[in-house]
Protein backbone atom coordinates (compact mmCIF):
# COMPACT_ATOMS: atom_id res chain seq x y z
CA MET A 1 85.12 128.27 110.82
CA SER A 2 86.84 129.46 107.69
CA ALA A 3 85.13 129.39 104.31
CA ASN A 4 87.58 126.88 102.87
CA LYS A 5 87.04 124.45 105.74
CA GLU A 6 83.25 124.72 105.41
CA LEU A 7 83.43 124.01 101.66
CA ARG A 8 85.73 121.04 102.24
CA GLU A 9 83.34 119.58 104.82
CA ARG A 10 80.37 120.04 102.46
CA ARG A 11 82.21 118.19 99.67
CA GLN A 12 83.11 115.42 102.09
CA GLN A 13 79.55 115.00 103.37
CA ARG A 14 78.15 115.04 99.83
CA LEU A 15 80.53 112.28 98.75
CA ARG A 16 79.86 110.14 101.85
CA PHE A 17 76.09 110.36 101.26
CA GLN A 18 76.56 109.06 97.71
CA LEU A 19 78.90 106.29 98.90
CA ARG A 20 76.45 105.06 101.50
CA ARG A 21 73.74 104.72 98.82
CA LYS A 22 75.98 102.85 96.38
CA ALA A 23 78.10 100.81 98.81
CA GLY A 24 75.83 97.78 99.01
CA GLY A 25 77.16 96.78 102.44
CA ARG A 26 80.83 96.96 101.43
CA PRO A 27 83.31 98.61 103.81
CA ARG A 28 84.87 101.88 102.69
CA LEU A 29 88.50 102.68 102.23
CA SER A 30 88.77 106.17 103.65
CA VAL A 31 91.78 108.33 102.82
CA PHE A 32 93.08 111.48 104.53
CA ARG A 33 96.14 113.41 103.53
CA SER A 34 97.86 116.17 105.39
CA GLY A 35 100.82 118.22 104.34
CA LYS A 36 103.26 115.77 105.90
CA ASN A 37 101.53 112.37 106.00
CA ILE A 38 98.83 110.21 104.44
CA TYR A 39 96.42 107.92 106.28
CA ALA A 40 94.08 105.16 105.07
CA GLN A 41 91.61 102.96 106.88
CA VAL A 42 89.02 100.37 105.97
CA ILE A 43 85.82 101.10 107.91
CA ASP A 44 82.71 98.96 108.31
CA ASP A 45 79.98 101.60 108.65
CA GLY A 46 77.32 99.04 109.58
CA VAL A 47 79.15 98.16 112.80
CA GLY A 48 81.08 101.43 113.14
CA ARG A 49 84.45 99.69 113.38
CA THR A 50 87.84 100.10 111.71
CA LEU A 51 88.91 96.80 110.14
CA ALA A 52 92.36 97.80 108.88
CA ALA A 53 94.47 100.94 108.91
CA ALA A 54 97.83 102.18 107.69
CA SER A 55 99.67 105.47 107.54
CA THR A 56 103.09 106.91 106.89
CA LEU A 57 103.53 107.07 110.66
CA ASP A 58 103.54 103.25 111.01
CA LYS A 59 106.79 101.80 112.32
CA ASP A 60 106.82 99.36 109.36
CA LEU A 61 107.02 102.21 106.86
CA ARG A 62 108.73 105.04 108.70
CA GLY A 63 112.32 103.87 108.19
CA ASP A 64 111.83 103.02 104.50
CA LEU A 65 110.37 106.34 103.43
CA LYS A 66 112.23 109.52 102.68
CA THR A 67 109.16 111.62 103.47
CA GLY A 68 105.53 110.92 104.19
CA ALA A 69 104.26 113.47 101.71
CA ASP A 70 105.04 112.07 98.27
CA LYS A 71 103.59 109.52 95.83
CA ALA A 72 106.00 106.80 96.87
CA ALA A 73 104.84 107.06 100.48
CA ALA A 74 101.20 106.99 99.37
CA ALA A 75 101.83 103.86 97.30
CA ALA A 76 103.52 102.15 100.27
CA VAL A 77 100.52 103.00 102.48
CA GLY A 78 98.15 101.67 99.81
CA LYS A 79 99.96 98.33 99.65
CA LEU A 80 100.09 98.02 103.43
CA VAL A 81 96.40 98.79 103.93
CA ALA A 82 95.53 96.28 101.21
CA GLU A 83 97.60 93.57 102.95
CA ARG A 84 95.96 94.31 106.29
CA ALA A 85 92.47 94.40 104.77
CA LEU A 86 92.99 91.03 103.06
CA ALA A 87 94.23 89.62 106.36
CA ALA A 88 91.01 90.84 107.96
CA GLY A 89 88.98 89.13 105.24
CA VAL A 90 88.00 92.19 103.21
CA LYS A 91 88.40 91.96 99.43
CA GLU A 92 85.88 94.50 98.10
CA VAL A 93 85.64 98.09 99.33
CA VAL A 94 84.23 101.43 98.29
CA PHE A 95 86.87 104.14 97.82
CA ASP A 96 86.23 107.28 99.92
CA ARG A 97 88.54 110.02 98.79
CA GLY A 98 86.93 112.51 101.17
CA ALA A 99 87.07 116.04 99.83
CA PHE A 100 90.34 115.39 98.01
CA ILE A 101 90.63 115.33 94.23
CA TYR A 102 91.41 111.89 92.76
CA HIS A 103 94.91 112.71 91.56
CA GLY A 104 98.47 112.72 92.83
CA ARG A 105 98.91 111.03 96.19
CA ILE A 106 95.28 109.94 96.44
CA LYS A 107 95.47 108.20 93.06
CA ALA A 108 98.84 106.61 93.91
CA LEU A 109 97.36 105.15 97.09
CA ALA A 110 94.30 103.81 95.26
CA ASP A 111 96.37 102.23 92.49
CA ALA A 112 98.67 100.55 95.02
CA ALA A 113 95.69 99.23 96.99
CA ARG A 114 94.28 97.72 93.78
CA GLU A 115 97.64 96.12 93.03
CA GLY A 116 97.69 94.77 96.60
CA GLY A 117 94.44 92.86 95.99
CA LEU A 118 91.59 95.18 96.95
CA SER A 119 88.76 95.56 94.48
CA PHE A 120 86.92 98.85 93.97
């Protein structure tokens, strides 16, 4: 395993440990971004089940987006995951940014999810 991948995994595990302590039973909104797409899912760790998910690969979004790797795409995914989470009965979540810095696409997704009705 490369050094960068090991450091990324350590940051991710450190953040997840802190989130589990502070979550208070709330599901977590987990975000992953690749070079071409962005993915978000609301996970209930108590049961180990995904309650809602959205990504730039969804058929609902694919035709509307120019690319899956910009802030507009991240905002669209944030709104869609918020809609799906509210439909599943989830209003409060804990934001899990993984090992990614809270800025750029990650921040755009979080802001759009807040506007869509999620509270974190």
